[in-house]
């Protein structure tokens, strides 16, 4: 496995610190999400997928319910 190019010093951080850094980066992306524009091709693909999805009144579950179902926890 090859090491991907990372800014200096990141590879030397302990894994938990790198995970925390990734979380911080992701949170910054989420905060800036409103300024993120999809390309025309991405919008078309999303529209295509929405049109193809089955029409159903079934809804998903809240994370707590899904987790309970997956892991069998109350």
C-alpha atoms as a PDB file:
ATOM      1  CA  UNK A   1       0.000   0.000   0.000  1.00  0.00           C
ATOM      2  CA  UNK A   2       1.370   3.393  -0.920  1.00  0.00           C
ATOM      3  CA  UNK A   3       1.116   6.456   1.250  1.00  0.00           C
ATOM      4  CA  UNK A   4      -1.019   9.162  -0.249  1.00  0.00           C
ATOM      5  CA  UNK A   5       0.366  12.678  -0.323  1.00  0.00           C
ATOM      6  CA  UNK A   6      -0.671  14.500   2.829  1.00  0.00           C
ATOM      7  CA  UNK A   7       0.323  17.881   4.158  1.00  0.00           C
ATOM      8  CA  UNK A   8       3.506  17.677   6.248  1.00  0.00           C
ATOM      9  CA  UNK A   9       3.091  16.261   9.736  1.00  0.00           C
ATOM     10  CA  UNK A  10      -0.316  14.659   9.349  1.00  0.00           C
ATOM     11  CA  UNK A  11       0.984  11.117   8.824  1.00  0.00           C
ATOM     12  CA  UNK A  12       2.941  11.428  12.076  1.00  0.00           C
ATOM     13  CA  UNK A  13      -0.182  12.200  14.120  1.00  0.00           C
ATOM     14  CA  UNK A  14      -1.634   9.338  16.153  1.00  0.00           C
ATOM     15  CA  UNK A  15      -4.624   7.696  14.481  1.00  0.00           C
ATOM     16  CA  UNK A  16      -7.185   9.125  16.960  1.00  0.00           C
ATOM     17  CA  UNK A  17      -5.869  12.629  16.236  1.00  0.00           C
ATOM     18  CA  UNK A  18      -6.137  12.018  12.482  1.00  0.00           C
ATOM     19  CA  UNK A  19      -9.707  10.787  12.905  1.00  0.00           C
ATOM     20  CA  UNK A  20     -10.535  13.920  14.915  1.00  0.00           C
ATOM     21  CA  UNK A  21      -8.978  16.031  12.154  1.00  0.00           C
ATOM     22  CA  UNK A  22     -11.097  14.300   9.511  1.00  0.00           C
ATOM     23  CA  UNK A  23     -14.207  14.961  11.622  1.00  0.00           C
ATOM     24  CA  UNK A  24     -13.288  18.640  11.901  1.00  0.00           C
ATOM     25  CA  UNK A  25     -12.723  18.866   8.152  1.00  0.00           C
ATOM     26  CA  UNK A  26     -16.058  17.143   7.462  1.00  0.00           C
ATOM     27  CA  UNK A  27     -17.871  19.506   9.843  1.00  0.00           C
ATOM     28  CA  UNK A  28     -16.346  22.479   8.016  1.00  0.00           C
ATOM     29  CA  UNK A  29     -17.626  21.064   4.721  1.00  0.00           C
ATOM     30  CA  UNK A  30     -21.112  20.639   6.162  1.00  0.00           C
ATOM     31  CA  UNK A  31     -21.053  24.231   7.429  1.00  0.00           C
ATOM     32  CA  UNK A  32     -20.141  25.460   3.943  1.00  0.00           C
ATOM     33  CA  UNK A  33     -22.602  23.142   2.194  1.00  0.00           C
ATOM     34  CA  UNK A  34     -24.926  25.987   1.224  1.00  0.00           C
ATOM     35  CA  UNK A  35     -22.222  27.460  -0.981  1.00  0.00           C
ATOM     36  CA  UNK A  36     -21.626  24.138  -2.745  1.00  0.00           C
ATOM     37  CA  UNK A  37     -23.156  24.033  -6.221  1.00  0.00           C
ATOM     38  CA  UNK A  38     -23.887  20.825  -8.072  1.00  0.00           C
ATOM     39  CA  UNK A  39     -22.933  20.531 -11.698  1.00  0.00           C
ATOM     40  CA  UNK A  40     -25.667  20.207 -14.313  1.00  0.00           C
ATOM     41  CA  UNK A  41     -24.692  16.549 -14.752  1.00  0.00           C
ATOM     42  CA  UNK A  42     -24.985  15.906 -10.994  1.00  0.00           C
ATOM     43  CA  UNK A  43     -28.412  17.562 -10.886  1.00  0.00           C
ATOM     44  CA  UNK A  44     -29.594  15.445 -13.830  1.00  0.00           C
ATOM     45  CA  UNK A  45     -28.340  12.288 -12.146  1.00  0.00           C
ATOM     46  CA  UNK A  46     -30.138  13.139  -8.911  1.00  0.00           C
ATOM     47  CA  UNK A  47     -33.333  13.860 -10.843  1.00  0.00           C
ATOM     48  CA  UNK A  48     -32.973  10.535 -12.679  1.00  0.00           C
ATOM     49  CA  UNK A  49     -32.532   8.629  -9.421  1.00  0.00           C
ATOM     50  CA  UNK A  50     -35.514  10.364  -7.836  1.00  0.00           C
ATOM     51  CA  UNK A  51     -37.674   9.490 -10.848  1.00  0.00           C
ATOM     52  CA  UNK A  52     -36.603   5.833 -10.686  1.00  0.00           C
ATOM     53  CA  UNK A  53     -37.154   5.264  -7.004  1.00  0.00           C
ATOM     54  CA  UNK A  54     -40.224   3.259  -6.148  1.00  0.00           C
ATOM     55  CA  UNK A  55     -43.199   5.308  -5.188  1.00  0.00           C
ATOM     56  CA  UNK A  56     -43.914   4.179  -1.688  1.00  0.00           C
ATOM     57  CA  UNK A  57     -45.368   5.608   1.439  1.00  0.00           C
ATOM     58  CA  UNK A  58     -42.818   3.625   3.437  1.00  0.00           C
ATOM     59  CA  UNK A  59     -40.404   5.839   5.291  1.00  0.00           C
ATOM     60  CA  UNK A  60     -37.056   5.183   6.837  1.00  0.00           C
ATOM     61  CA  UNK A  61     -36.304   5.020  10.519  1.00  0.00           C
ATOM     62  CA  UNK A  62     -34.706   7.447  12.906  1.00  0.00           C
ATOM     63  CA  UNK A  63     -31.111   6.475  13.698  1.00  0.00           C
ATOM     64  CA  UNK A  64     -31.995   5.308  17.225  1.00  0.00           C
ATOM     65  CA  UNK A  65     -34.636   2.926  15.833  1.00  0.00           C
ATOM     66  CA  UNK A  66     -32.384   1.673  13.024  1.00  0.00           C
ATOM     67  CA  UNK A  67     -29.558   1.087  15.514  1.00  0.00           C
ATOM     68  CA  UNK A  68     -31.904  -0.817  17.814  1.00  0.00           C
ATOM     69  CA  UNK A  69     -33.036  -3.003  14.916  1.00  0.00           C
ATOM     70  CA  UNK A  70     -29.483  -3.641  13.731  1.00  0.00           C
ATOM     71  CA  UNK A  71     -27.834  -4.233  17.071  1.00  0.00           C
ATOM     72  CA  UNK A  72     -30.846  -5.451  19.045  1.00  0.00           C
ATOM     73  CA  UNK A  73     -30.366  -2.842  21.737  1.00  0.00           C
ATOM     74  CA  UNK A  74     -33.356  -1.358  23.553  1.00  0.00           C
END
